[in-house]
C-alpha atoms as a PDB file:
ATOM      1  CA  UNK A   1      17.050 -11.196  48.192  1.00  0.00           C
ATOM      2  CA  UNK A   2      19.051  -9.962  51.127  1.00  0.00           C
ATOM      3  CA  UNK A   3      21.641 -12.221  52.665  1.00  0.00           C
ATOM      4  CA  UNK A   4      24.437 -11.152  55.002  1.00  0.00           C
ATOM      5  CA  UNK A   5      27.758 -12.957  54.520  1.00  0.00           C
ATOM      6  CA  UNK A   6      29.605 -10.956  57.182  1.00  0.00           C
ATOM      7  CA  UNK A   7      29.135 -13.698  59.788  1.00  0.00           C
ATOM      8  CA  UNK A   8      30.881 -16.177  57.491  1.00  0.00           C
ATOM      9  CA  UNK A   9      33.721 -13.741  56.845  1.00  0.00           C
ATOM     10  CA  UNK A  10      34.098 -13.260  60.598  1.00  0.00           C
ATOM     11  CA  UNK A  11      34.222 -17.002  61.236  1.00  0.00           C
ATOM     12  CA  UNK A  12      36.795 -17.521  58.493  1.00  0.00           C
ATOM     13  CA  UNK A  13      38.983 -14.656  59.673  1.00  0.00           C
ATOM     14  CA  UNK A  14      38.873 -15.900  63.251  1.00  0.00           C
ATOM     15  CA  UNK A  15      39.584 -19.455  62.107  1.00  0.00           C
ATOM     16  CA  UNK A  16      42.546 -18.364  59.998  1.00  0.00           C
ATOM     17  CA  UNK A  17      44.048 -16.489  62.930  1.00  0.00           C
ATOM     18  CA  UNK A  18      43.459 -19.498  65.204  1.00  0.00           C
ATOM     19  CA  UNK A  19      45.246 -21.857  62.813  1.00  0.00           C
ATOM     20  CA  UNK A  20      48.193 -19.490  62.438  1.00  0.00           C
ATOM     21  CA  UNK A  21      48.509 -19.082  66.203  1.00  0.00           C
ATOM     22  CA  UNK A  22      48.251 -22.846  66.658  1.00  0.00           C
ATOM     23  CA  UNK A  23      51.139 -23.397  64.246  1.00  0.00           C
ATOM     24  CA  UNK A  24      53.283 -20.760  65.927  1.00  0.00           C
ATOM     25  CA  UNK A  25      52.613 -22.090  69.418  1.00  0.00           C
ATOM     26  CA  UNK A  26      53.189 -25.703  68.408  1.00  0.00           C
ATOM     27  CA  UNK A  27      56.555 -24.805  66.873  1.00  0.00           C
ATOM     28  CA  UNK A  28      57.517 -23.098  70.136  1.00  0.00           C
ATOM     29  CA  UNK A  29      56.412 -26.150  72.102  1.00  0.00           C
ATOM     30  CA  UNK A  30      58.489 -28.435  69.897  1.00  0.00           C
ATOM     31  CA  UNK A  31      61.540 -26.337  70.682  1.00  0.00           C
ATOM     32  CA  UNK A  32      60.705 -26.245  74.393  1.00  0.00           C
ATOM     33  CA  UNK A  33      60.386 -30.038  74.507  1.00  0.00           C
ATOM     34  CA  UNK A  34      64.175 -30.273  74.236  1.00  0.00           C
ATOM     35  CA  UNK A  35      64.729 -28.257  77.417  1.00  0.00           C
ATOM     36  CA  UNK A  36      61.651 -28.843  79.567  1.00  0.00           C
ATOM     37  CA  UNK A  37      59.604 -31.711  80.883  1.00  0.00           C
ATOM     38  CA  UNK A  38      58.210 -33.193  77.654  1.00  0.00           C
ATOM     39  CA  UNK A  39      55.048 -34.352  79.439  1.00  0.00           C
ATOM     40  CA  UNK A  40      54.237 -30.812  80.505  1.00  0.00           C
ATOM     41  CA  UNK A  41      54.890 -29.544  76.999  1.00  0.00           C
ATOM     42  CA  UNK A  42      52.704 -32.312  75.594  1.00  0.00           C
ATOM     43  CA  UNK A  43      49.868 -31.282  77.937  1.00  0.00           C
ATOM     44  CA  UNK A  44      50.049 -27.759  76.545  1.00  0.00           C
ATOM     45  CA  UNK A  45      50.046 -29.146  73.013  1.00  0.00           C
ATOM     46  CA  UNK A  46      46.942 -31.201  73.754  1.00  0.00           C
ATOM     47  CA  UNK A  47      45.151 -28.100  75.074  1.00  0.00           C
ATOM     48  CA  UNK A  48      46.108 -26.136  71.970  1.00  0.00           C
ATOM     49  CA  UNK A  49      44.847 -28.964  69.781  1.00  0.00           C
ATOM     50  CA  UNK A  50      41.571 -29.177  71.701  1.00  0.00           C
ATOM     51  CA  UNK A  51      41.026 -25.443  71.243  1.00  0.00           C
ATOM     52  CA  UNK A  52      41.741 -25.647  67.517  1.00  0.00           C
ATOM     53  CA  UNK A  53      39.401 -28.630  67.164  1.00  0.00           C
ATOM     54  CA  UNK A  54      36.619 -26.567  68.776  1.00  0.00           C
ATOM     55  CA  UNK A  55      37.197 -23.897  66.132  1.00  0.00           C
ATOM     56  CA  UNK A  56      37.090 -26.513  63.379  1.00  0.00           C
ATOM     57  CA  UNK A  57      33.762 -27.802  64.689  1.00  0.00           C
ATOM     58  CA  UNK A  58      32.376 -24.246  64.830  1.00  0.00           C
ATOM     59  CA  UNK A  59      33.332 -23.706  61.186  1.00  0.00           C
ATOM     60  CA  UNK A  60      31.848 -27.042  60.086  1.00  0.00           C
ATOM     61  CA  UNK A  61      28.628 -26.329  61.959  1.00  0.00           C
ATOM     62  CA  UNK A  62      28.404 -22.876  60.396  1.00  0.00           C
ATOM     63  CA  UNK A  63      28.995 -24.259  56.889  1.00  0.00           C
ATOM     64  CA  UNK A  64      26.334 -26.937  57.367  1.00  0.00           C
ATOM     65  CA  UNK A  65      23.884 -24.315  58.628  1.00  0.00           C
ATOM     66  CA  UNK A  66      24.427 -21.995  55.667  1.00  0.00           C
ATOM     67  CA  UNK A  67      24.208 -24.905  53.222  1.00  0.00           C
ATOM     68  CA  UNK A  68      20.862 -25.890  54.714  1.00  0.00           C
ATOM     69  CA  UNK A  69      19.527 -22.334  54.765  1.00  0.00           C
ATOM     70  CA  UNK A  70      20.573 -21.487  51.227  1.00  0.00           C
ATOM     71  CA  UNK A  71      19.385 -24.793  49.782  1.00  0.00           C
ATOM     72  CA  UNK A  72      16.043 -24.285  51.524  1.00  0.00           C
ATOM     73  CA  UNK A  73      15.739 -20.848  49.922  1.00  0.00           C
ATOM     74  CA  UNK A  74      16.608 -22.253  46.513  1.00  0.00           C
ATOM     75  CA  UNK A  75      14.075 -25.081  46.790  1.00  0.00           C
ATOM     76  CA  UNK A  76      11.394 -22.600  47.881  1.00  0.00           C
ATOM     77  CA  UNK A  77      12.136 -20.507  44.805  1.00  0.00           C
ATOM     78  CA  UNK A  78      12.130 -23.555  42.538  1.00  0.00           C
ATOM     79  CA  UNK A  79       8.646 -24.540  43.713  1.00  0.00           C
ATOM     80  CA  UNK A  80       7.196 -21.026  43.879  1.00  0.00           C
ATOM     81  CA  UNK A  81       4.642 -20.320  41.194  1.00  0.00           C
ATOM     82  CA  UNK A  82       3.938 -23.957  40.379  1.00  0.00           C
ATOM     83  CA  UNK A  83       6.775 -24.410  37.907  1.00  0.00           C
ATOM     84  CA  UNK A  84       7.445 -27.599  35.988  1.00  0.00           C
ATOM     85  CA  UNK A  85       9.848 -28.891  38.622  1.00  0.00           C
ATOM     86  CA  UNK A  86       8.332 -31.334  41.085  1.00  0.00           C
ATOM     87  CA  UNK A  87       9.687 -32.588  44.385  1.00  0.00           C
ATOM     88  CA  UNK A  88       9.984 -36.029  42.826  1.00  0.00           C
ATOM     89  CA  UNK A  89      12.518 -34.533  40.366  1.00  0.00           C
ATOM     90  CA  UNK A  90      14.882 -33.941  43.270  1.00  0.00           C
ATOM     91  CA  UNK A  91      14.953 -37.580  44.285  1.00  0.00           C
ATOM     92  CA  UNK A  92      15.402 -39.363  40.953  1.00  0.00           C
END
């Protein structure tokens, strides 16, 4: 069975970098809020948060897709060759 996990590694690496950058930028914005228009700083914070949330959704979608794909492969293997396992066994 051939399965490439490099896409997952890429997503996780990108996500980790995004979270780290988010933290760094938010800390800078917190400091700037003392000296600048807090509304403007808050707008920037909201944009950063929106961008991070998009990354979170990408990761969740990817995880759900790989769960579905791998479970499908496992079920196909379980039913290949007419083994003792039946579909009804999955829903007891």
